[in-house]
């Protein structure tokens, strides 16, 4: 049912990238921006091995990079 690893997403607007940690952790530090994240297991994806978790994170971050940013975000970023 649940694996020993959980996929988490940074909730900081500028970051928003995915990473993984052990399922029994309560918090995780984002490796990209350094923000401390709460690990909420009821809404997350689980993986049985580190290899599977790493593959899922890479795929999610790849999809995230392919998405286009909204126009309002680009305008706010430039100013």
Protein backbone atom coordinates (compact mmCIF):
# COMPACT_ATOMS: atom_id res chain seq x y z
CA UNK A 1 0.00 0.00 0.00
CA UNK A 2 2.51 2.66 1.13
CA UNK A 3 6.21 2.58 0.41
CA UNK A 4 9.07 3.68 2.64
CA UNK A 5 9.65 6.84 0.51
CA UNK A 6 7.34 9.77 -0.23
CA UNK A 7 7.49 12.30 -3.09
CA UNK A 8 7.06 15.91 -1.86
CA UNK A 9 6.73 19.23 -3.66
CA UNK A 10 8.10 22.55 -2.49
CA UNK A 11 5.28 25.00 -1.82
CA UNK A 12 7.39 28.10 -2.46
CA UNK A 13 6.08 29.91 -5.58
CA UNK A 14 9.52 30.54 -7.09
CA UNK A 15 10.60 26.90 -6.65
CA UNK A 16 7.77 24.34 -6.76
CA UNK A 17 10.13 21.46 -7.56
CA UNK A 18 9.78 17.86 -6.43
CA UNK A 19 12.05 15.80 -4.17
CA UNK A 20 11.72 12.68 -2.03
CA UNK A 21 12.34 11.61 1.56
CA UNK A 22 11.66 8.75 3.92
CA UNK A 23 7.97 8.30 4.72
CA UNK A 24 8.50 8.48 8.49
CA UNK A 25 9.98 12.02 8.33
CA UNK A 26 7.84 14.94 9.49
CA UNK A 27 9.77 17.68 7.65
CA UNK A 28 12.10 17.92 4.65
CA UNK A 29 14.43 20.70 3.53
CA UNK A 30 14.02 21.52 -0.18
CA UNK A 31 17.36 20.74 -1.88
CA UNK A 32 16.76 23.49 -4.46
CA UNK A 33 15.72 26.56 -2.44
CA UNK A 34 16.33 25.52 1.19
CA UNK A 35 12.75 26.00 2.46
CA UNK A 36 11.61 23.67 5.26
CA UNK A 37 8.59 21.60 4.13
CA UNK A 38 6.00 19.69 6.14
CA UNK A 39 5.57 16.14 4.85
CA UNK A 40 1.83 15.53 4.53
CA UNK A 41 1.45 11.85 3.72
CA UNK A 42 -2.25 11.84 2.91
CA UNK A 43 -1.80 13.79 -0.36
CA UNK A 44 1.56 12.44 -1.57
CA UNK A 45 2.84 9.74 -3.93
CA UNK A 46 4.71 6.82 -2.39
CA UNK A 47 7.58 4.71 -3.77
CA UNK A 48 9.01 1.39 -2.57
CA UNK A 49 12.68 1.99 -3.48
CA UNK A 50 15.02 4.96 -3.78
CA UNK A 51 15.55 4.19 -7.48
CA UNK A 52 11.82 4.40 -8.15
CA UNK A 53 11.49 7.57 -6.06
CA UNK A 54 14.39 9.20 -7.91
CA UNK A 55 12.88 8.28 -11.27
CA UNK A 56 9.49 9.71 -10.28
CA UNK A 57 11.08 12.96 -9.07
CA UNK A 58 13.02 13.33 -12.32
CA UNK A 59 9.88 12.77 -14.39
CA UNK A 60 7.80 15.22 -12.32
CA UNK A 61 10.49 17.91 -12.49
CA UNK A 62 10.86 17.34 -16.24
CA UNK A 63 7.12 17.83 -16.73
CA UNK A 64 7.25 20.91 -14.50
CA UNK A 65 9.99 22.40 -16.67
CA UNK A 66 7.97 21.80 -19.84
CA UNK A 67 4.99 23.74 -18.50
CA UNK A 68 4.80 27.39 -19.48
CA UNK A 69 4.65 30.05 -16.81
CA UNK A 70 1.57 32.28 -16.63
CA UNK A 71 1.94 35.78 -18.09
CA UNK A 72 1.37 37.45 -14.72
CA UNK A 73 4.29 35.48 -13.18
CA UNK A 74 6.71 36.55 -15.95
CA UNK A 75 5.66 40.18 -15.56
CA UNK A 76 6.16 40.12 -11.78
CA UNK A 77 9.48 38.33 -12.12
CA UNK A 78 10.94 40.96 -14.48
CA UNK A 79 9.99 43.93 -12.29
